[in-house]
Amino acid sequence: MRFDELSSITAYDGIWANASLLHLPTGKLAHVLSLILQALKANGLHFATFKSGAVAGRDTLGRYYNSLDRDKLAAAYAKSGSKFLLIF
């Protein structure tokens, strides 16, 4: 499924998103993070990795990356309503 198709409610103990959410358009990240948050059980865990940077766009192979700096990534998580712990 696509990220924005996640519709589960309190279904998962954890959601592992290693090197995947970094391919979302920046403007959709907070929404998808809110879907992840609602899909987690109480005290569920979420793991994600991102590329750091300040420019979003496609690489030479045409793959999209939402390279975010620390403040923009933290803002996306905050906008999602999450209380996730961010480790940089």
PDB file of N, CA and C in Angstrom:
ATOM      1  N   MET A   1       0.835  -1.178   0.000  1.00  0.00           N
ATOM      2  CA  MET A   1       0.000   0.000   0.000  1.00  0.00           C
ATOM      3  C   MET A   1       0.880   1.242   0.000  1.00  0.00           C
ATOM      4  N   ARG A   2       0.307   2.334  -0.408  1.00  0.00           N
ATOM      5  CA  ARG A   2       1.018   3.609  -0.315  1.00  0.00           C
ATOM      6  C   ARG A   2       0.929   4.110   1.113  1.00  0.00           C
ATOM      7  N   PHE A   3       1.847   4.966   1.487  1.00  0.00           N
ATOM      8  CA  PHE A   3       1.867   5.508   2.838  1.00  0.00           C
ATOM      9  C   PHE A   3       0.529   6.129   3.226  1.00  0.00           C
ATOM     10  N   ASP A   4      -0.038   6.911   2.308  1.00  0.00           N
ATOM     11  CA  ASP A   4      -1.275   7.626   2.635  1.00  0.00           C
ATOM     12  C   ASP A   4      -2.508   6.728   2.639  1.00  0.00           C
ATOM     13  N   GLU A   5      -2.340   5.443   2.366  1.00  0.00           N
ATOM     14  CA  GLU A   5      -3.442   4.486   2.422  1.00  0.00           C
ATOM     15  C   GLU A   5      -3.500   3.749   3.760  1.00  0.00           C
ATOM     16  N   LEU A   6      -2.589   4.033   4.657  1.00  0.00           N
ATOM     17  CA  LEU A   6      -2.583   3.403   5.970  1.00  0.00           C
ATOM     18  C   LEU A   6      -3.828   3.864   6.725  1.00  0.00           C
ATOM     19  N   SER A   7      -4.698   2.920   7.059  1.00  0.00           N
ATOM     20  CA  SER A   7      -5.952   3.286   7.713  1.00  0.00           C
ATOM     21  C   SER A   7      -6.187   2.532   9.014  1.00  0.00           C
ATOM     22  N   SER A   8      -5.226   1.753   9.455  1.00  0.00           N
ATOM     23  CA  SER A   8      -5.370   0.975  10.684  1.00  0.00           C
ATOM     24  C   SER A   8      -5.411   1.897  11.901  1.00  0.00           C
ATOM     25  N   ILE A   9      -6.156   1.463  12.907  1.00  0.00           N
ATOM     26  CA  ILE A   9      -6.249   2.200  14.162  1.00  0.00           C
ATOM     27  C   ILE A   9      -5.771   1.277  15.280  1.00  0.00           C
ATOM     28  N   THR A  10      -4.803   1.740  16.034  1.00  0.00           N
ATOM     29  CA  THR A  10      -4.205   0.988  17.153  1.00  0.00           C
ATOM     30  C   THR A  10      -4.007  -0.492  16.828  1.00  0.00           C
ATOM     31  N   ALA A  11      -3.375  -0.756  15.709  1.00  0.00           N
ATOM     32  CA  ALA A  11      -3.208  -2.132  15.234  1.00  0.00           C
ATOM     33  C   ALA A  11      -1.791  -2.678  15.408  1.00  0.00           C
ATOM     34  N   TYR A  12      -0.801  -1.821  15.504  1.00  0.00           N
ATOM     35  CA  TYR A  12       0.576  -2.281  15.437  1.00  0.00           C
ATOM     36  C   TYR A  12       1.372  -1.934  16.699  1.00  0.00           C
ATOM     37  N   ASP A  13       2.220  -2.859  17.102  1.00  0.00           N
ATOM     38  CA  ASP A  13       3.144  -2.601  18.207  1.00  0.00           C
ATOM     39  C   ASP A  13       4.289  -1.713  17.751  1.00  0.00           C
ATOM     40  N   GLY A  14       4.611  -1.761  16.473  1.00  0.00           N
ATOM     41  CA  GLY A  14       5.687  -0.951  15.931  1.00  0.00           C
ATOM     42  C   GLY A  14       5.552  -0.778  14.434  1.00  0.00           C
ATOM     43  N   ILE A  15       6.079   0.320  13.943  1.00  0.00           N
ATOM     44  CA  ILE A  15       6.109   0.577  12.499  1.00  0.00           C
ATOM     45  C   ILE A  15       7.530   0.979  12.142  1.00  0.00           C
ATOM     46  N   TRP A  16       8.155   0.160  11.305  1.00  0.00           N
ATOM     47  CA  TRP A  16       9.537   0.342  10.863  1.00  0.00           C
ATOM     48  C   TRP A  16       9.502   0.988   9.485  1.00  0.00           C
ATOM     49  N   ALA A  17      10.066   2.160   9.364  1.00  0.00           N
ATOM     50  CA  ALA A  17      10.056   2.889   8.093  1.00  0.00           C
ATOM     51  C   ALA A  17      11.482   3.289   7.724  1.00  0.00           C
ATOM     52  N   ASN A  18      12.348   2.307   7.638  1.00  0.00           N
ATOM     53  CA  ASN A  18      13.749   2.560   7.333  1.00  0.00           C
ATOM     54  C   ASN A  18      13.909   2.946   5.859  1.00  0.00           C
ATOM     55  N   ALA A  19      14.417   4.130   5.617  1.00  0.00           N
ATOM     56  CA  ALA A  19      14.693   4.623   4.257  1.00  0.00           C
ATOM     57  C   ALA A  19      13.473   4.548   3.352  1.00  0.00           C
ATOM     58  N   SER A  20      12.297   4.874   3.894  1.00  0.00           N
ATOM     59  CA  SER A  20      11.097   4.873   3.058  1.00  0.00           C
ATOM     60  C   SER A  20      10.361   6.207   3.123  1.00  0.00           C
ATOM     61  N   LEU A  21      10.151   6.760   4.305  1.00  0.00           N
ATOM     62  CA  LEU A  21       9.429   8.027   4.420  1.00  0.00           C
ATOM     63  C   LEU A  21      10.196   9.182   3.794  1.00  0.00           C
ATOM     64  N   LEU A  22      11.479   9.000   3.559  1.00  0.00           N
ATOM     65  CA  LEU A  22      12.271  10.055   2.933  1.00  0.00           C
ATOM     66  C   LEU A  22      11.926  10.241   1.460  1.00  0.00           C
ATOM     67  N   HIS A  23      11.059   9.371   0.936  1.00  0.00           N
ATOM     68  CA  HIS A  23      10.627   9.507  -0.457  1.00  0.00           C
ATOM     69  C   HIS A  23       9.278  10.216  -0.586  1.00  0.00           C
ATOM     70  N   LEU A  24       8.677  10.596   0.532  1.00  0.00           N
ATOM     71  CA  LEU A  24       7.415  11.334   0.496  1.00  0.00           C
ATOM     72  C   LEU A  24       7.652  12.791   0.142  1.00  0.00           C
ATOM     73  N   PRO A  25       6.755  13.387  -0.622  1.00  0.00           N
ATOM     74  CA  PRO A  25       6.857  14.835  -0.797  1.00  0.00           C
ATOM     75  C   PRO A  25       6.786  15.510   0.574  1.00  0.00           C
ATOM     76  N   THR A  26       7.582  16.514   0.784  1.00  0.00           N
ATOM     77  CA  THR A  26       7.697  17.170   2.082  1.00  0.00           C
ATOM     78  C   THR A  26       6.341  17.591   2.644  1.00  0.00           C
ATOM     79  N   GLY A  27       5.461  18.105   1.807  1.00  0.00           N
ATOM     80  CA  GLY A  27       4.162  18.576   2.251  1.00  0.00           C
ATOM     81  C   GLY A  27       3.223  17.472   2.731  1.00  0.00           C
ATOM     82  N   LYS A  28       3.529  16.220   2.433  1.00  0.00           N
ATOM     83  CA  LYS A  28       2.686  15.102   2.847  1.00  0.00           C
ATOM     84  C   LYS A  28       3.223  14.370   4.072  1.00  0.00           C
ATOM     85  N   LEU A  29       4.419  14.714   4.502  1.00  0.00           N
ATOM     86  CA  LEU A  29       5.067  13.974   5.573  1.00  0.00           C
ATOM     87  C   LEU A  29       4.280  14.032   6.882  1.00  0.00           C
ATOM     88  N   ALA A  30       3.863  15.202   7.329  1.00  0.00           N
ATOM     89  CA  ALA A  30       3.141  15.318   8.609  1.00  0.00           C
ATOM     90  C   ALA A  30       1.852  14.502   8.585  1.00  0.00           C
ATOM     91  N   HIS A  31       1.144  14.512   7.465  1.00  0.00           N
ATOM     92  CA  HIS A  31      -0.094  13.731   7.365  1.00  0.00           C
ATOM     93  C   HIS A  31       0.186  12.236   7.507  1.00  0.00           C
ATOM     94  N   VAL A  32       1.181  11.750   6.814  1.00  0.00           N
ATOM     95  CA  VAL A  32       1.517  10.326   6.896  1.00  0.00           C
ATOM     96  C   VAL A  32       1.997   9.968   8.301  1.00  0.00           C
ATOM     97  N   LEU A  33       2.749  10.842   8.928  1.00  0.00           N
ATOM     98  CA  LEU A  33       3.172  10.590  10.302  1.00  0.00           C
ATOM     99  C   LEU A  33       1.968  10.501  11.234  1.00  0.00           C
ATOM    100  N   SER A  34       0.939  11.306  10.992  1.00  0.00           N
ATOM    101  CA  SER A  34      -0.271  11.210  11.823  1.00  0.00           C
ATOM    102  C   SER A  34      -0.979   9.879  11.593  1.00  0.00           C
ATOM    103  N   LEU A  35      -0.945   9.352  10.361  1.00  0.00           N
ATOM    104  CA  LEU A  35      -1.533   8.035  10.090  1.00  0.00           C
ATOM    105  C   LEU A  35      -0.745   6.939  10.806  1.00  0.00           C
ATOM    106  N   ILE A  36       0.565   7.076  10.833  1.00  0.00           N
ATOM    107  CA  ILE A  36       1.404   6.120  11.558  1.00  0.00           C
ATOM    108  C   ILE A  36       1.073   6.178  13.043  1.00  0.00           C
ATOM    109  N   LEU A  37       0.945   7.372  13.571  1.00  0.00           N
ATOM    110  CA  LEU A  37       0.634   7.542  14.986  1.00  0.00           C
ATOM    111  C   LEU A  37      -0.684   6.863  15.351  1.00  0.00           C
ATOM    112  N   GLN A  38      -1.712   7.038  14.529  1.00  0.00           N
ATOM    113  CA  GLN A  38      -3.007   6.417  14.842  1.00  0.00           C
ATOM    114  C   GLN A  38      -2.988   4.909  14.639  1.00  0.00           C
ATOM    115  N   ALA A  39      -2.080   4.414  13.827  1.00  0.00           N
ATOM    116  CA  ALA A  39      -1.999   2.970  13.580  1.00  0.00           C
ATOM    117  C   ALA A  39      -1.270   2.225  14.697  1.00  0.00           C
ATOM    118  N   LEU A  40      -0.540   2.959  15.528  1.00  0.00           N
ATOM    119  CA  LEU A  40       0.218   2.332  16.610  1.00  0.00           C
ATOM    120  C   LEU A  40      -0.657   2.089  17.837  1.00  0.00           C
ATOM    121  N   LYS A  41      -0.402   0.970  18.495  1.00  0.00           N
ATOM    122  CA  LYS A  41      -1.017   0.705  19.794  1.00  0.00           C
ATOM    123  C   LYS A  41      -0.420   1.668  20.818  1.00  0.00           C
ATOM    124  N   ALA A  42      -1.050   1.777  21.980  1.00  0.00           N
ATOM    125  CA  ALA A  42      -0.499   2.594  23.060  1.00  0.00           C
ATOM    126  C   ALA A  42       0.926   2.127  23.334  1.00  0.00           C
ATOM    127  N   ASN A  43       1.822   3.055  23.471  1.00  0.00           N
ATOM    128  CA  ASN A  43       3.246   2.784  23.700  1.00  0.00           C
ATOM    129  C   ASN A  43       3.911   2.062  22.527  1.00  0.00           C
ATOM    130  N   GLY A  44       3.299   2.127  21.337  1.00  0.00           N
ATOM    131  CA  GLY A  44       3.914   1.538  20.155  1.00  0.00           C
ATOM    132  C   GLY A  44       5.148   2.314  19.732  1.00  0.00           C
ATOM    133  N   LEU A  45       5.991   1.660  18.978  1.00  0.00           N
ATOM    134  CA  LEU A  45       7.252   2.253  18.540  1.00  0.00           C
ATOM    135  C   LEU A  45       7.236   2.537  17.041  1.00  0.00           C
ATOM    136  N   HIS A  46       7.895   3.612  16.669  1.00  0.00           N
ATOM    137  CA  HIS A  46       8.044   3.986  15.258  1.00  0.00           C
ATOM    138  C   HIS A  46       9.515   4.278  15.023  1.00  0.00           C
ATOM    139  N   PHE A  47      10.061   3.713  13.948  1.00  0.00           N
ATOM    140  CA  PHE A  47      11.448   3.962  13.568  1.00  0.00           C
ATOM    141  C   PHE A  47      11.471   4.428  12.125  1.00  0.00           C
ATOM    142  N   ALA A  48      12.213   5.477  11.856  1.00  0.00           N
ATOM    143  CA  ALA A  48      12.366   5.963  10.484  1.00  0.00           C
ATOM    144  C   ALA A  48      13.756   6.574  10.328  1.00  0.00           C
ATOM    145  N   THR A  49      14.274   6.516   9.118  1.00  0.00           N
ATOM    146  CA  THR A  49      15.529   7.188   8.803  1.00  0.00           C
ATOM    147  C   THR A  49      15.293   8.157   7.652  1.00  0.00           C
ATOM    148  N   PHE A  50      16.046   9.222   7.662  1.00  0.00           N
ATOM    149  CA  PHE A  50      15.934  10.263   6.642  1.00  0.00           C
ATOM    150  C   PHE A  50      17.326  10.706   6.236  1.00  0.00           C
ATOM    151  N   LYS A  51      17.430  11.306   5.052  1.00  0.00           N
ATOM    152  CA  LYS A  51      18.671  11.967   4.643  1.00  0.00           C
ATOM    153  C   LYS A  51      18.605  13.394   5.180  1.00  0.00           C
ATOM    154  N   SER A  52      19.706  13.866   5.683  1.00  0.00           N
ATOM    155  CA  SER A  52      19.718  15.247   6.172  1.00  0.00           C
ATOM    156  C   SER A  52      20.060  16.186   5.023  1.00  0.00           C
ATOM    157  N   GLY A  53      19.574  17.377   5.143  1.00  0.00           N
ATOM    158  CA  GLY A  53      19.825  18.380   4.126  1.00  0.00           C
ATOM    159  C   GLY A  53      18.751  19.439   4.150  1.00  0.00           C
ATOM    160  N   ALA A  54      18.773  20.297   3.187  1.00  0.00           N
ATOM    161  CA  ALA A  54      17.802  21.382   3.149  1.00  0.00           C
ATOM    162  C   ALA A  54      17.111  21.486   1.799  1.00  0.00           C
ATOM    163  N   VAL A  55      17.376  20.538   0.909  1.00  0.00           N
ATOM    164  CA  VAL A  55      16.812  20.613  -0.433  1.00  0.00           C
ATOM    165  C   VAL A  55      16.098  19.313  -0.764  1.00  0.00           C
ATOM    166  N   ALA A  56      14.842  19.407  -1.133  1.00  0.00           N
ATOM    167  CA  ALA A  56      14.093  18.242  -1.578  1.00  0.00           C
ATOM    168  C   ALA A  56      14.171  18.171  -3.100  1.00  0.00           C
ATOM    169  N   GLY A  57      14.126  16.967  -3.629  1.00  0.00           N
ATOM    170  CA  GLY A  57      14.141  16.823  -5.076  1.00  0.00           C
ATOM    171  C   GLY A  57      14.596  15.449  -5.501  1.00  0.00           C
ATOM    172  N   ARG A  58      14.816  15.288  -6.784  1.00  0.00           N
ATOM    173  CA  ARG A  58      15.188  14.000  -7.360  1.00  0.00           C
ATOM    174  C   ARG A  58      16.700  13.887  -7.520  1.00  0.00           C
ATOM    175  N   ASP A  59      17.181  12.658  -7.339  1.00  0.00           N
ATOM    176  CA  ASP A  59      18.597  12.411  -7.562  1.00  0.00           C
ATOM    177  C   ASP A  59      18.823  12.103  -9.040  1.00  0.00           C
ATOM    178  N   THR A  60      20.038  11.743  -9.401  1.00  0.00           N
ATOM    179  CA  THR A  60      20.365  11.505 -10.812  1.00  0.00           C
ATOM    180  C   THR A  60      19.654  10.281 -11.395  1.00  0.00           C
ATOM    181  N   LEU A  61      19.109   9.416 -10.526  1.00  0.00           N
ATOM    182  CA  LEU A  61      18.354   8.248 -10.990  1.00  0.00           C
ATOM    183  C   LEU A  61      16.845   8.501 -10.991  1.00  0.00           C
ATOM    184  N   GLY A  62      16.441   9.728 -10.653  1.00  0.00           N
ATOM    185  CA  GLY A  62      15.039  10.094 -10.674  1.00  0.00           C
ATOM    186  C   GLY A  62      14.277   9.802  -9.393  1.00  0.00           C
ATOM    187  N   ARG A  63      14.969   9.369  -8.339  1.00  0.00           N
ATOM    188  CA  ARG A  63      14.310   9.063  -7.069  1.00  0.00           C
ATOM    189  C   ARG A  63      14.124  10.344  -6.267  1.00  0.00           C
ATOM    190  N   TYR A  64      12.912  10.533  -5.737  1.00  0.00           N
ATOM    191  CA  TYR A  64      12.610  11.724  -4.946  1.00  0.00           C
ATOM    192  C   TYR A  64      13.083  11.537  -3.509  1.00  0.00           C
ATOM    193  N   TYR A  65      13.690  12.572  -2.940  1.00  0.00           N
ATOM    194  CA  TYR A  65      14.089  12.594  -1.535  1.00  0.00           C
ATOM    195  C   TYR A  65      13.622  13.901  -0.905  1.00  0.00           C
ATOM    196  N   ASN A  66      13.087  13.809   0.301  1.00  0.00           N
ATOM    197  CA  ASN A  66      12.675  15.010   1.031  1.00  0.00           C
ATOM    198  C   ASN A  66      13.755  15.392   2.034  1.00  0.00           C
ATOM    199  N   SER A  67      14.951  15.611   1.600  1.00  0.00           N
ATOM    200  CA  SER A  67      16.076  15.920   2.493  1.00  0.00           C
ATOM    201  C   SER A  67      15.730  17.122   3.362  1.00  0.00           C
ATOM    202  N   LEU A  68      15.542  16.859   4.667  1.00  0.00           N
ATOM    203  CA  LEU A  68      15.118  17.894   5.593  1.00  0.00           C
ATOM    204  C   LEU A  68      16.202  18.167   6.624  1.00  0.00           C
ATOM    205  N   ASP A  69      16.284  19.417   7.052  1.00  0.00           N
ATOM    206  CA  ASP A  69      17.171  19.698   8.169  1.00  0.00           C
ATOM    207  C   ASP A  69      16.460  19.329   9.465  1.00  0.00           C
ATOM    208  N   ARG A  70      17.153  19.366  10.547  1.00  0.00           N
ATOM    209  CA  ARG A  70      16.638  18.944  11.850  1.00  0.00           C
ATOM    210  C   ARG A  70      15.350  19.690  12.217  1.00  0.00           C
ATOM    211  N   ASP A  71      15.332  20.993  12.027  1.00  0.00           N
ATOM    212  CA  ASP A  71      14.160  21.785  12.420  1.00  0.00           C
ATOM    213  C   ASP A  71      12.925  21.432  11.601  1.00  0.00           C
ATOM    214  N   LYS A  72      13.089  21.239  10.294  1.00  0.00           N
ATOM    215  CA  LYS A  72      11.936  20.902   9.444  1.00  0.00           C
ATOM    216  C   LYS A  72      11.419  19.501   9.737  1.00  0.00           C
ATOM    217  N   LEU A  73      12.317  18.573  10.020  1.00  0.00           N
ATOM    218  CA  LEU A  73      11.884  17.221  10.362  1.00  0.00           C
ATOM    219  C   LEU A  73      11.149  17.230  11.706  1.00  0.00           C
ATOM    220  N   ALA A  74      11.686  17.929  12.675  1.00  0.00           N
ATOM    221  CA  ALA A  74      11.020  18.034  13.978  1.00  0.00           C
ATOM    222  C   ALA A  74       9.666  18.711  13.834  1.00  0.00           C
ATOM    223  N   ALA A  75       9.572  19.720  12.972  1.00  0.00           N
ATOM    224  CA  ALA A  75       8.295  20.408  12.752  1.00  0.00           C
ATOM    225  C   ALA A  75       7.264  19.475  12.125  1.00  0.00           C
ATOM    226  N   ALA A  76       7.680  18.625  11.203  1.00  0.00           N
ATOM    227  CA  ALA A  76       6.750  17.667  10.585  1.00  0.00           C
ATOM    228  C   ALA A  76       6.221  16.686  11.625  1.00  0.00           C
ATOM    229  N   TYR A  77       7.102  16.199  12.491  1.00  0.00           N
ATOM    230  CA  TYR A  77       6.660  15.290  13.554  1.00  0.00           C
ATOM    231  C   TYR A  77       5.734  16.017  14.522  1.00  0.00           C
ATOM    232  N   ALA A  78       6.046  17.255  14.877  1.00  0.00           N
ATOM    233  CA  ALA A  78       5.200  18.014  15.796  1.00  0.00           C
ATOM    234  C   ALA A  78       3.829  18.277  15.171  1.00  0.00           C
ATOM    235  N   LYS A  79       3.809  18.632  13.900  1.00  0.00           N
ATOM    236  CA  LYS A  79       2.543  18.901  13.202  1.00  0.00           C
ATOM    237  C   LYS A  79       1.664  17.658  13.128  1.00  0.00           C
ATOM    238  N   SER A  80       2.286  16.491  13.134  1.00  0.00           N
ATOM    239  CA  SER A  80       1.525  15.236  13.066  1.00  0.00           C
ATOM    240  C   SER A  80       0.809  14.936  14.374  1.00  0.00           C
ATOM    241  N   GLY A  81       1.157  15.674  15.422  1.00  0.00           N
ATOM    242  CA  GLY A  81       0.565  15.424  16.730  1.00  0.00           C
ATOM    243  C   GLY A  81       1.317  14.366  17.528  1.00  0.00           C
ATOM    244  N   SER A  82       2.456  13.961  17.034  1.00  0.00           N
ATOM    245  CA  SER A  82       3.197  12.871  17.676  1.00  0.00           C
ATOM    246  C   SER A  82       3.976  13.350  18.876  1.00  0.00           C
ATOM    247  N   LYS A  83       4.306  12.399  19.701  1.00  0.00           N
ATOM    248  CA  LYS A  83       5.208  12.613  20.836  1.00  0.00           C
ATOM    249  C   LYS A  83       6.446  11.743  20.632  1.00  0.00           C
ATOM    250  N   PHE A  84       6.751  11.442  19.364  1.00  0.00           N
ATOM    251  CA  PHE A  84       7.901  10.604  19.055  1.00  0.00           C
ATOM    252  C   PHE A  84       9.176  11.279  19.530  1.00  0.00           C
ATOM    253  N   LEU A  85      10.120  10.498  19.966  1.00  0.00           N
ATOM    254  CA  LEU A  85      11.441  10.977  20.339  1.00  0.00           C
ATOM    255  C   LEU A  85      12.296  11.003  19.081  1.00  0.00           C
ATOM    256  N   LEU A  86      12.822  12.150  18.756  1.00  0.00           N
ATOM    257  CA  LEU A  86      13.675  12.284  17.577  1.00  0.00           C
ATOM    258  C   LEU A  86      15.126  12.217  18.008  1.00  0.00           C
ATOM    259  N   ILE A  87      15.889  11.356  17.375  1.00  0.00           N
ATOM    260  CA  ILE A  87      17.314  11.216  17.644  1.00  0.00           C
ATOM    261  C   ILE A  87      18.071  11.546  16.370  1.00  0.00           C
ATOM    262  N   PHE A  88      18.972  12.505  16.466  1.00  0.00           N
ATOM    263  CA  PHE A  88      19.737  12.932  15.297  1.00  0.00           C
ATOM    264  C   PHE A  88      21.173  12.505  15.446  1.00  0.00           C
TER     265      PHE A  88
END
